């Protein structure tokens, strides 16, 4: 990851907070996967369970059913493109890797195996052991409210993962998870300090509340705001941008990369 890359979101959920990102049929899934790659996306991130605030959490069986349809379709139409699965369940992670050869587990639970994680929760053993056995790269997300808490928790869990033999770890600051609007912006302003961990940073702010709420608009109107946030994140050291809007994020990566070349 010498230069930033883009992870395109493919949601096979009926209730994702951004309605235009939802795809449910094989035809829609294939079209979205092809679009992500055509627009310059490097990774396809597939999610089968929405974790939006106030949303209903799909059962394990329903999440697996959605993902089996999506992953079979994506592997068929984009066999060479790396695929990640967005999940908080160890059983789902295991299924995705063992049945479909998924390349990355993108965990939205800080390793706890729950989508509704209180900050004091530290029961990450099952997910960590699962990822270690599977031998795939792992995205570790923070649900902590501020930088100091995030660094403390992430440092401890990175040590745990390394001890289990997990070699490839990416850090997600967890924008929108367990944080107020102000805390999201405080973390973004100081995000470059997370580089002390020596691990790539994955940022997902696309059309989230922190993009549209300050402007009094809707998620559907938040493309420009999301691109601004992506640009800031790249300047703060992001290696991967996870987004609904691949073309615009790829363009932001290219512009920021040009800037970095001029300052080296």
C-alpha atoms as a PDB file:
ATOM      1  CA  UNK A   1       0.000   0.000   0.000  1.00  0.00           C
ATOM      2  CA  UNK A   2       2.624   2.499  -1.044  1.00  0.00           C
ATOM      3  CA  UNK A   3      -0.233   4.565  -2.469  1.00  0.00           C
ATOM      4  CA  UNK A   4      -3.817   4.705  -1.139  1.00  0.00           C
ATOM      5  CA  UNK A   5      -6.432   2.391  -2.613  1.00  0.00           C
ATOM      6  CA  UNK A   6     -10.236   2.268  -2.651  1.00  0.00           C
ATOM      7  CA  UNK A   7     -12.529  -0.410  -1.232  1.00  0.00           C
ATOM      8  CA  UNK A   8     -15.957  -0.334  -2.867  1.00  0.00           C
ATOM      9  CA  UNK A   9     -19.016  -1.152  -0.768  1.00  0.00           C
ATOM     10  CA  UNK A  10     -21.448  -3.840  -1.962  1.00  0.00           C
ATOM     11  CA  UNK A  11     -24.393  -4.185   0.428  1.00  0.00           C
ATOM     12  CA  UNK A  12     -26.740  -7.155   0.175  1.00  0.00           C
ATOM     13  CA  UNK A  13     -28.987  -5.806   2.898  1.00  0.00           C
ATOM     14  CA  UNK A  14     -32.529  -4.424   2.646  1.00  0.00           C
ATOM     15  CA  UNK A  15     -31.906  -1.703   5.227  1.00  0.00           C
ATOM     16  CA  UNK A  16     -28.455  -0.155   4.720  1.00  0.00           C
ATOM     17  CA  UNK A  17     -28.549   3.510   5.750  1.00  0.00           C
ATOM     18  CA  UNK A  18     -27.738   4.595   2.168  1.00  0.00           C
ATOM     19  CA  UNK A  19     -30.610   3.222   0.122  1.00  0.00           C
ATOM     20  CA  UNK A  20     -28.854   3.486  -3.240  1.00  0.00           C
ATOM     21  CA  UNK A  21     -26.144   1.077  -2.067  1.00  0.00           C
ATOM     22  CA  UNK A  22     -28.538  -1.838  -1.589  1.00  0.00           C
ATOM     23  CA  UNK A  23     -28.405  -4.688  -4.109  1.00  0.00           C
ATOM     24  CA  UNK A  24     -30.273  -7.942  -3.669  1.00  0.00           C
ATOM     25  CA  UNK A  25     -30.511  -9.907  -6.912  1.00  0.00           C
ATOM     26  CA  UNK A  26     -27.737 -11.748  -8.712  1.00  0.00           C
ATOM     27  CA  UNK A  27     -27.976  -9.285 -11.613  1.00  0.00           C
ATOM     28  CA  UNK A  28     -27.721  -6.260  -9.302  1.00  0.00           C
ATOM     29  CA  UNK A  29     -24.813  -7.783  -7.384  1.00  0.00           C
ATOM     30  CA  UNK A  30     -22.861  -8.526 -10.559  1.00  0.00           C
ATOM     31  CA  UNK A  31     -23.515  -5.032 -11.910  1.00  0.00           C
ATOM     32  CA  UNK A  32     -22.301  -3.425  -8.693  1.00  0.00           C
ATOM     33  CA  UNK A  33     -19.168  -5.582  -8.529  1.00  0.00           C
ATOM     34  CA  UNK A  34     -18.342  -4.740 -12.147  1.00  0.00           C
ATOM     35  CA  UNK A  35     -18.972  -1.045 -11.471  1.00  0.00           C
ATOM     36  CA  UNK A  36     -16.598  -0.977  -8.494  1.00  0.00           C
ATOM     37  CA  UNK A  37     -13.770  -2.436 -10.567  1.00  0.00           C
ATOM     38  CA  UNK A  38     -14.529  -0.329 -13.650  1.00  0.00           C
ATOM     39  CA  UNK A  39     -14.345   2.829 -11.544  1.00  0.00           C
ATOM     40  CA  UNK A  40     -10.937   1.919 -10.142  1.00  0.00           C
ATOM     41  CA  UNK A  41     -11.765   0.094  -6.937  1.00  0.00           C
ATOM     42  CA  UNK A  42      -9.118  -2.365  -5.745  1.00  0.00           C
ATOM     43  CA  UNK A  43     -11.181  -4.320  -3.191  1.00  0.00           C
ATOM     44  CA  UNK A  44     -14.868  -5.254  -3.071  1.00  0.00           C
ATOM     45  CA  UNK A  45     -16.268  -5.146   0.473  1.00  0.00           C
ATOM     46  CA  UNK A  46     -19.411  -7.272   0.816  1.00  0.00           C
ATOM     47  CA  UNK A  47     -21.811  -6.812   3.717  1.00  0.00           C
ATOM     48  CA  UNK A  48     -24.821  -8.943   4.581  1.00  0.00           C
ATOM     49  CA  UNK A  49     -25.902  -7.364   7.871  1.00  0.00           C
ATOM     50  CA  UNK A  50     -26.540  -3.670   8.354  1.00  0.00           C
ATOM     51  CA  UNK A  51     -25.020  -2.141  11.498  1.00  0.00           C
ATOM     52  CA  UNK A  52     -26.602   1.286  11.113  1.00  0.00           C
ATOM     53  CA  UNK A  53     -27.672   2.934  14.401  1.00  0.00           C
ATOM     54  CA  UNK A  54     -31.158   1.803  15.381  1.00  0.00           C
ATOM     55  CA  UNK A  55     -31.249  -0.852  12.683  1.00  0.00           C
ATOM     56  CA  UNK A  56     -32.411  -4.431  13.112  1.00  0.00           C
ATOM     57  CA  UNK A  57     -29.574  -6.944  13.230  1.00  0.00           C
ATOM     58  CA  UNK A  58     -30.047  -9.819  10.794  1.00  0.00           C
ATOM     59  CA  UNK A  59     -29.827 -13.336  12.171  1.00  0.00           C
ATOM     60  CA  UNK A  60     -26.698 -15.371  11.575  1.00  0.00           C
ATOM     61  CA  UNK A  61     -28.577 -17.599   9.123  1.00  0.00           C
ATOM     62  CA  UNK A  62     -29.927 -14.631   7.161  1.00  0.00           C
ATOM     63  CA  UNK A  63     -26.522 -12.957   6.992  1.00  0.00           C
ATOM     64  CA  UNK A  64     -24.958 -16.170   5.702  1.00  0.00           C
ATOM     65  CA  UNK A  65     -27.700 -16.662   3.124  1.00  0.00           C
ATOM     66  CA  UNK A  66     -27.250 -13.152   1.750  1.00  0.00           C
ATOM     67  CA  UNK A  67     -23.488 -13.494   1.645  1.00  0.00           C
ATOM     68  CA  UNK A  68     -23.525 -16.866  -0.083  1.00  0.00           C
ATOM     69  CA  UNK A  69     -25.537 -15.376  -2.951  1.00  0.00           C
ATOM     70  CA  UNK A  70     -23.347 -12.283  -3.128  1.00  0.00           C
ATOM     71  CA  UNK A  71     -19.973 -13.994  -2.832  1.00  0.00           C
ATOM     72  CA  UNK A  72     -20.790 -16.662  -5.398  1.00  0.00           C
ATOM     73  CA  UNK A  73     -21.820 -13.911  -7.820  1.00  0.00           C
ATOM     74  CA  UNK A  74     -18.826 -11.675  -7.148  1.00  0.00           C
ATOM     75  CA  UNK A  75     -16.381 -14.549  -7.494  1.00  0.00           C
ATOM     76  CA  UNK A  76     -17.976 -15.444 -10.817  1.00  0.00           C
ATOM     77  CA  UNK A  77     -17.931 -11.979 -12.382  1.00  0.00           C
ATOM     78  CA  UNK A  78     -14.745 -10.623 -10.735  1.00  0.00           C
ATOM     79  CA  UNK A  79     -12.593 -13.680  -9.990  1.00  0.00           C
ATOM     80  CA  UNK A  80      -9.315 -11.738  -9.766  1.00  0.00           C
ATOM     81  CA  UNK A  81     -10.491  -8.922  -7.489  1.00  0.00           C
ATOM     82  CA  UNK A  82      -9.713  -9.152  -3.757  1.00  0.00           C
ATOM     83  CA  UNK A  83     -12.878  -9.465  -1.676  1.00  0.00           C
ATOM     84  CA  UNK A  84     -13.470  -8.556   1.945  1.00  0.00           C
ATOM     85  CA  UNK A  85     -16.467  -9.441   4.084  1.00  0.00           C
ATOM     86  CA  UNK A  86     -17.943  -6.940   6.507  1.00  0.00           C
ATOM     87  CA  UNK A  87     -19.118  -8.933   9.549  1.00  0.00           C
ATOM     88  CA  UNK A  88     -18.906  -9.153  13.312  1.00  0.00           C
ATOM     89  CA  UNK A  89     -19.596 -12.896  13.551  1.00  0.00           C
ATOM     90  CA  UNK A  90     -16.705 -15.420  13.664  1.00  0.00           C
ATOM     91  CA  UNK A  91     -18.934 -18.103  12.131  1.00  0.00           C
ATOM     92  CA  UNK A  92     -19.702 -15.865   9.152  1.00  0.00           C
ATOM     93  CA  UNK A  93     -16.030 -15.023   8.723  1.00  0.00           C
ATOM     94  CA  UNK A  94     -15.178 -18.728   8.697  1.00  0.00           C
ATOM     95  CA  UNK A  95     -17.875 -19.535   6.135  1.00  0.00           C
ATOM     96  CA  UNK A  96     -16.803 -16.703   3.826  1.00  0.00           C
ATOM     97  CA  UNK A  97     -13.161 -17.776   3.775  1.00  0.00           C
ATOM     98  CA  UNK A  98     -13.647 -21.533   3.703  1.00  0.00           C
ATOM     99  CA  UNK A  99     -16.441 -21.589   1.105  1.00  0.00           C
ATOM    100  CA  UNK A 100     -15.509 -18.637  -1.109  1.00  0.00           C
ATOM    101  CA  UNK A 101     -11.853 -17.877  -0.428  1.00  0.00           C
ATOM    102  CA  UNK A 102     -12.572 -14.368   0.852  1.00  0.00           C
ATOM    103  CA  UNK A 103      -9.327 -12.413   1.161  1.00  0.00           C
ATOM    104  CA  UNK A 104      -9.987 -10.042   4.092  1.00  0.00           C
ATOM    105  CA  UNK A 105     -12.210 -10.047   7.174  1.00  0.00           C
ATOM    106  CA  UNK A 106     -13.491  -6.540   7.899  1.00  0.00           C
ATOM    107  CA  UNK A 107     -14.676  -6.766  11.512  1.00  0.00           C
ATOM    108  CA  UNK A 108     -17.037  -4.032  12.712  1.00  0.00           C
ATOM    109  CA  UNK A 109     -17.044  -5.150  16.348  1.00  0.00           C
ATOM    110  CA  UNK A 110     -13.516  -4.492  17.653  1.00  0.00           C
ATOM    111  CA  UNK A 111     -13.134  -8.238  17.724  1.00  0.00           C
ATOM    112  CA  UNK A 112     -15.910  -8.793  20.260  1.00  0.00           C
ATOM    113  CA  UNK A 113     -18.312 -10.664  17.986  1.00  0.00           C
ATOM    114  CA  UNK A 114     -21.154  -8.204  18.585  1.00  0.00           C
ATOM    115  CA  UNK A 115     -22.439  -5.279  16.532  1.00  0.00           C
ATOM    116  CA  UNK A 116     -23.625  -3.471  19.675  1.00  0.00           C
ATOM    117  CA  UNK A 117     -20.407  -3.256  21.645  1.00  0.00           C
ATOM    118  CA  UNK A 118     -20.104  -1.403  24.949  1.00  0.00           C
ATOM    119  CA  UNK A 119     -16.624   0.123  25.279  1.00  0.00           C
ATOM    120  CA  UNK A 120     -15.771  -2.016  28.298  1.00  0.00           C
ATOM    121  CA  UNK A 121     -16.347  -5.253  26.377  1.00  0.00           C
ATOM    122  CA  UNK A 122     -13.139  -7.141  25.665  1.00  0.00           C
ATOM    123  CA  UNK A 123     -14.321 -10.603  24.650  1.00  0.00           C
ATOM    124  CA  UNK A 124     -12.423 -10.881  21.381  1.00  0.00           C
ATOM    125  CA  UNK A 125     -10.980 -14.363  21.737  1.00  0.00           C
ATOM    126  CA  UNK A 126     -13.300 -16.208  19.327  1.00  0.00           C
ATOM    127  CA  UNK A 127     -12.966 -13.772  16.423  1.00  0.00           C
ATOM    128  CA  UNK A 128      -9.217 -13.445  16.898  1.00  0.00           C
ATOM    129  CA  UNK A 129      -8.734 -17.221  17.050  1.00  0.00           C
ATOM    130  CA  UNK A 130     -10.915 -17.641  13.968  1.00  0.00           C
ATOM    131  CA  UNK A 131      -8.932 -15.118  11.935  1.00  0.00           C
ATOM    132  CA  UNK A 132      -5.651 -16.645  13.107  1.00  0.00           C
ATOM    133  CA  UNK A 133      -6.772 -20.097  11.954  1.00  0.00           C
ATOM    134  CA  UNK A 134      -8.004 -18.753   8.622  1.00  0.00           C
ATOM    135  CA  UNK A 135      -4.736 -16.921   7.973  1.00  0.00           C
ATOM    136  CA  UNK A 136      -6.275 -13.893   6.258  1.00  0.00           C
ATOM    137  CA  UNK A 137      -5.721 -10.155   6.712  1.00  0.00           C
ATOM    138  CA  UNK A 138      -7.929  -8.636   9.394  1.00  0.00           C
ATOM    139  CA  UNK A 139      -9.441  -5.178   9.827  1.00  0.00           C
ATOM    140  CA  UNK A 140      -9.546  -4.257  13.517  1.00  0.00           C
ATOM    141  CA  UNK A 141     -11.996  -1.449  14.218  1.00  0.00           C
ATOM    142  CA  UNK A 142     -12.144   0.826  17.251  1.00  0.00           C
ATOM    143  CA  UNK A 143     -15.465   1.713  18.874  1.00  0.00           C
ATOM    144  CA  UNK A 144     -13.775   3.922  21.441  1.00  0.00           C
ATOM    145  CA  UNK A 145     -14.883   7.528  21.743  1.00  0.00           C
ATOM    146  CA  UNK A 146     -11.528   9.294  21.647  1.00  0.00           C
ATOM    147  CA  UNK A 147      -7.986   8.887  20.408  1.00  0.00           C
ATOM    148  CA  UNK A 148      -6.406   7.992  23.743  1.00  0.00           C
ATOM    149  CA  UNK A 149      -8.935   5.230  24.406  1.00  0.00           C
ATOM    150  CA  UNK A 150      -8.626   3.982  20.826  1.00  0.00           C
ATOM    151  CA  UNK A 151      -4.839   3.786  20.982  1.00  0.00           C
ATOM    152  CA  UNK A 152      -4.921   1.940  24.291  1.00  0.00           C
ATOM    153  CA  UNK A 153      -7.464  -0.647  23.140  1.00  0.00           C
ATOM    154  CA  UNK A 154      -5.986  -1.084  19.671  1.00  0.00           C
ATOM    155  CA  UNK A 155      -2.435  -1.506  20.989  1.00  0.00           C
ATOM    156  CA  UNK A 156      -3.561  -4.225  23.383  1.00  0.00           C
ATOM    157  CA  UNK A 157      -5.505  -6.083  20.713  1.00  0.00           C
ATOM    158  CA  UNK A 158      -2.759  -5.828  18.109  1.00  0.00           C
ATOM    159  CA  UNK A 159      -0.446  -7.520  20.614  1.00  0.00           C
ATOM    160  CA  UNK A 160      -3.061 -10.261  21.101  1.00  0.00           C
ATOM    161  CA  UNK A 161      -3.412 -10.774  17.355  1.00  0.00           C
ATOM    162  CA  UNK A 162       0.334 -10.935  16.785  1.00  0.00           C
ATOM    163  CA  UNK A 163       0.673 -13.467  19.598  1.00  0.00           C
ATOM    164  CA  UNK A 164      -1.886 -15.654  17.826  1.00  0.00           C
ATOM    165  CA  UNK A 165       0.042 -15.419  14.569  1.00  0.00           C
ATOM    166  CA  UNK A 166      -2.101 -12.861  12.720  1.00  0.00           C
ATOM    167  CA  UNK A 167       0.423 -11.025  10.567  1.00  0.00           C
ATOM    168  CA  UNK A 168      -1.617  -8.675   8.387  1.00  0.00           C
ATOM    169  CA  UNK A 169      -3.679  -6.199  10.417  1.00  0.00           C
ATOM    170  CA  UNK A 170      -5.380  -3.015   9.275  1.00  0.00           C
ATOM    171  CA  UNK A 171      -6.773  -0.393  11.648  1.00  0.00           C
ATOM    172  CA  UNK A 172     -10.204   1.206  11.226  1.00  0.00           C
ATOM    173  CA  UNK A 173     -10.766   4.233  13.519  1.00  0.00           C
ATOM    174  CA  UNK A 174     -14.479   3.366  13.533  1.00  0.00           C
ATOM    175  CA  UNK A 175     -16.083   6.608  12.460  1.00  0.00           C
ATOM    176  CA  UNK A 176     -19.786   6.480  13.313  1.00  0.00           C
ATOM    177  CA  UNK A 177     -19.413   3.663  15.854  1.00  0.00           C
ATOM    178  CA  UNK A 178     -19.737   4.584  19.528  1.00  0.00           C
ATOM    179  CA  UNK A 179     -18.969   8.252  18.869  1.00  0.00           C
ATOM    180  CA  UNK A 180     -20.874  11.524  18.816  1.00  0.00           C
ATOM    181  CA  UNK A 181     -20.632  13.862  15.838  1.00  0.00           C
ATOM    182  CA  UNK A 182     -18.090  15.990  17.660  1.00  0.00           C
ATOM    183  CA  UNK A 183     -16.039  12.961  18.697  1.00  0.00           C
ATOM    184  CA  UNK A 184     -15.924  11.763  15.088  1.00  0.00           C
ATOM    185  CA  UNK A 185     -14.415  15.076  14.034  1.00  0.00           C
ATOM    186  CA  UNK A 186     -12.015  15.166  16.974  1.00  0.00           C
ATOM    187  CA  UNK A 187     -10.761  11.740  15.979  1.00  0.00           C
ATOM    188  CA  UNK A 188     -10.443  12.687  12.315  1.00  0.00           C
ATOM    189  CA  UNK A 189      -8.431  15.779  13.247  1.00  0.00           C
ATOM    190  CA  UNK A 190      -5.963  13.640  15.205  1.00  0.00           C
ATOM    191  CA  UNK A 191      -6.130  10.487  13.083  1.00  0.00           C
ATOM    192  CA  UNK A 192      -2.531  10.767  11.874  1.00  0.00           C
ATOM    193  CA  UNK A 193      -1.438   9.898  15.419  1.00  0.00           C
ATOM    194  CA  UNK A 194      -2.799   6.374  14.893  1.00  0.00           C
ATOM    195  CA  UNK A 195       0.148   5.820  12.572  1.00  0.00           C
ATOM    196  CA  UNK A 196       2.221   5.210  15.700  1.00  0.00           C
ATOM    197  CA  UNK A 197       0.809   1.665  15.551  1.00  0.00           C
ATOM    198  CA  UNK A 198       2.733   1.108  12.313  1.00  0.00           C
ATOM    199  CA  UNK A 199      -0.278  -0.412  10.545  1.00  0.00           C
ATOM    200  CA  UNK A 200      -2.314   0.667   7.497  1.00  0.00           C
ATOM    201  CA  UNK A 201      -5.387   2.775   8.247  1.00  0.00           C
ATOM    202  CA  UNK A 202      -8.748   1.994   6.673  1.00  0.00           C
ATOM    203  CA  UNK A 203     -11.298   4.806   6.783  1.00  0.00           C
ATOM    204  CA  UNK A 204     -15.039   4.480   6.247  1.00  0.00           C
ATOM    205  CA  UNK A 205     -16.888   7.805   6.364  1.00  0.00           C
ATOM    206  CA  UNK A 206     -18.833   7.514   3.113  1.00  0.00           C
ATOM    207  CA  UNK A 207     -22.267   9.183   3.413  1.00  0.00           C
ATOM    208  CA  UNK A 208     -22.280   8.678   7.182  1.00  0.00           C
ATOM    209  CA  UNK A 209     -23.948  11.069   9.596  1.00  0.00           C
ATOM    210  CA  UNK A 210     -20.741  13.061  10.066  1.00  0.00           C
ATOM    211  CA  UNK A 211     -20.884  13.921   6.359  1.00  0.00           C
ATOM    212  CA  UNK A 212     -24.497  15.036   6.046  1.00  0.00           C
ATOM    213  CA  UNK A 213     -25.726  16.135   9.469  1.00  0.00           C
ATOM    214  CA  UNK A 214     -23.591  19.310   9.774  1.00  0.00           C
ATOM    215  CA  UNK A 215     -24.911  20.451   6.379  1.00  0.00           C
ATOM    216  CA  UNK A 216     -28.566  19.689   7.019  1.00  0.00           C
ATOM    217  CA  UNK A 217     -28.787  17.325   4.058  1.00  0.00           C
ATOM    218  CA  UNK A 218     -29.534  13.613   3.535  1.00  0.00           C
ATOM    219  CA  UNK A 219     -27.137  10.696   2.893  1.00  0.00           C
ATOM    220  CA  UNK A 220     -28.230  10.773  -0.744  1.00  0.00           C
ATOM    221  CA  UNK A 221     -26.986  14.361  -1.024  1.00  0.00           C
ATOM    222  CA  UNK A 222     -23.672  13.776   0.743  1.00  0.00           C
ATOM    223  CA  UNK A 223     -21.370  12.846  -2.147  1.00  0.00           C
ATOM    224  CA  UNK A 224     -19.420  16.099  -2.049  1.00  0.00           C
ATOM    225  CA  UNK A 225     -19.179  16.081   1.743  1.00  0.00           C
ATOM    226  CA  UNK A 226     -17.976  12.482   1.696  1.00  0.00           C
ATOM    227  CA  UNK A 227     -15.288  13.325  -0.857  1.00  0.00           C
ATOM    228  CA  UNK A 228     -14.073  16.188   1.330  1.00  0.00           C
ATOM    229  CA  UNK A 229     -13.840  13.831   4.305  1.00  0.00           C
ATOM    230  CA  UNK A 230     -12.035  11.246   2.173  1.00  0.00           C
ATOM    231  CA  UNK A 231      -9.489  13.871   1.152  1.00  0.00           C
ATOM    232  CA  UNK A 232      -8.894  14.890   4.764  1.00  0.00           C
ATOM    233  CA  UNK A 233      -8.509  11.246   5.767  1.00  0.00           C
ATOM    234  CA  UNK A 234      -5.960  10.690   3.002  1.00  0.00           C
ATOM    235  CA  UNK A 235      -3.983  13.715   4.163  1.00  0.00           C
ATOM    236  CA  UNK A 236      -4.105  12.247   7.676  1.00  0.00           C
ATOM    237  CA  UNK A 237      -2.567   8.965   6.518  1.00  0.00           C
ATOM    238  CA  UNK A 238      -5.401   6.704   5.316  1.00  0.00           C
ATOM    239  CA  UNK A 239      -4.225   3.789   3.168  1.00  0.00           C
ATOM    240  CA  UNK A 240      -7.676   2.494   2.217  1.00  0.00           C
ATOM    241  CA  UNK A 241     -10.860   4.462   1.626  1.00  0.00           C
ATOM    242  CA  UNK A 242     -14.023   2.367   2.046  1.00  0.00           C
ATOM    243  CA  UNK A 243     -16.793   4.024   0.080  1.00  0.00           C
ATOM    244  CA  UNK A 244     -20.064   3.848  -1.808  1.00  0.00           C
ATOM    245  CA  UNK A 245     -18.696   6.297  -4.402  1.00  0.00           C
ATOM    246  CA  UNK A 246     -15.682   4.628  -5.932  1.00  0.00           C
ATOM    247  CA  UNK A 247     -14.966   6.935  -8.864  1.00  0.00           C
ATOM    248  CA  UNK A 248     -14.827  10.060  -6.727  1.00  0.00           C
ATOM    249  CA  UNK A 249     -12.711   8.388  -4.043  1.00  0.00           C
ATOM    250  CA  UNK A 250     -10.245   7.120  -6.654  1.00  0.00           C
ATOM    251  CA  UNK A 251      -9.929  10.661  -7.983  1.00  0.00           C
ATOM    252  CA  UNK A 252      -9.288  11.975  -4.461  1.00  0.00           C
ATOM    253  CA  UNK A 253      -6.567   9.347  -3.998  1.00  0.00           C
ATOM    254  CA  UNK A 254      -4.877  10.391  -7.235  1.00  0.00           C
ATOM    255  CA  UNK A 255      -4.921  14.083  -6.359  1.00  0.00           C
ATOM    256  CA  UNK A 256      -3.545  13.521  -2.865  1.00  0.00           C
ATOM    257  CA  UNK A 257      -0.904  11.183  -4.257  1.00  0.00           C
ATOM    258  CA  UNK A 258       0.211  13.931  -6.665  1.00  0.00           C
ATOM    259  CA  UNK A 259       0.473  16.301  -3.704  1.00  0.00           C
ATOM    260  CA  UNK A 260       2.563  13.833  -1.733  1.00  0.00           C
ATOM    261  CA  UNK A 261       4.938  13.382  -4.657  1.00  0.00           C
ATOM    262  CA  UNK A 262       5.543  17.139  -4.719  1.00  0.00           C
ATOM    263  CA  UNK A 263       6.333  17.301  -1.006  1.00  0.00           C
ATOM    264  CA  UNK A 264       8.731  14.338  -0.862  1.00  0.00           C
END
